[in-house]
């Protein structure tokens, strides 16, 4: 069985070597010291997941992530930011550019590994139940979403949150339940405010969802049919 392939885009040589040594036990590793090389690798070597630093030469991680998520060849690859920039605005900006997760440095290796494995499991899940509610169609097998016949390009996390809410349409879903469903065993280590960032992105990418995804103050969200 082939090992999943992980692309590490990191300009710090020591960090790059550490990640390659540790993750190389379970994964096939590709490394790039800047985002220009990294994007080329992503387009031509089809990694299963990308670990992306933000403070990079030539092109920042934010810009690189935006480009990756706009490219048909790379938009479906999960991206996890791994960065020393760890303020709430930094994390919000990272998730807004389309990243699926954000881990501040210094990081715990076991947590990083768990987050990687969780993302890879989500990407491989093609047996989940399809959903159709009115104009909304969610196809887990192909990780596709359309509204009114128009396809929307969502990150894996945006997709998972929307599906979670749609499966429980008409019911209030607590932040805790969203975290458990989407982040699974990493839910306790994930800031629930990241949900708000992804919800805003969903409403921006699919404007009609503004009237369907309802915020329930102090509790969570509900998908109104």
Foldseek 3Di string as FASTA:
>chain_A
DAAAEEEEAAQDPVVQVVCCVVCVVGHHYHYHNALVVVLVCCQPVVGQAYEAEAPGPPHGSLRSLLVQCVDPRRVARAYEYEYQPDDPVVQLSSVLSAHQYYAYPPGDVVLVVLQVVLSSVQSPDQPDDWADDQQWTAHSNVRWIGGVPHTFRHYSLLSQLVVVQRVVAPDFDFLLNSLCRRVNPCSVVDDSCVVVSSVVSVCVRPVVQVVQWAADPPGGIHGYD
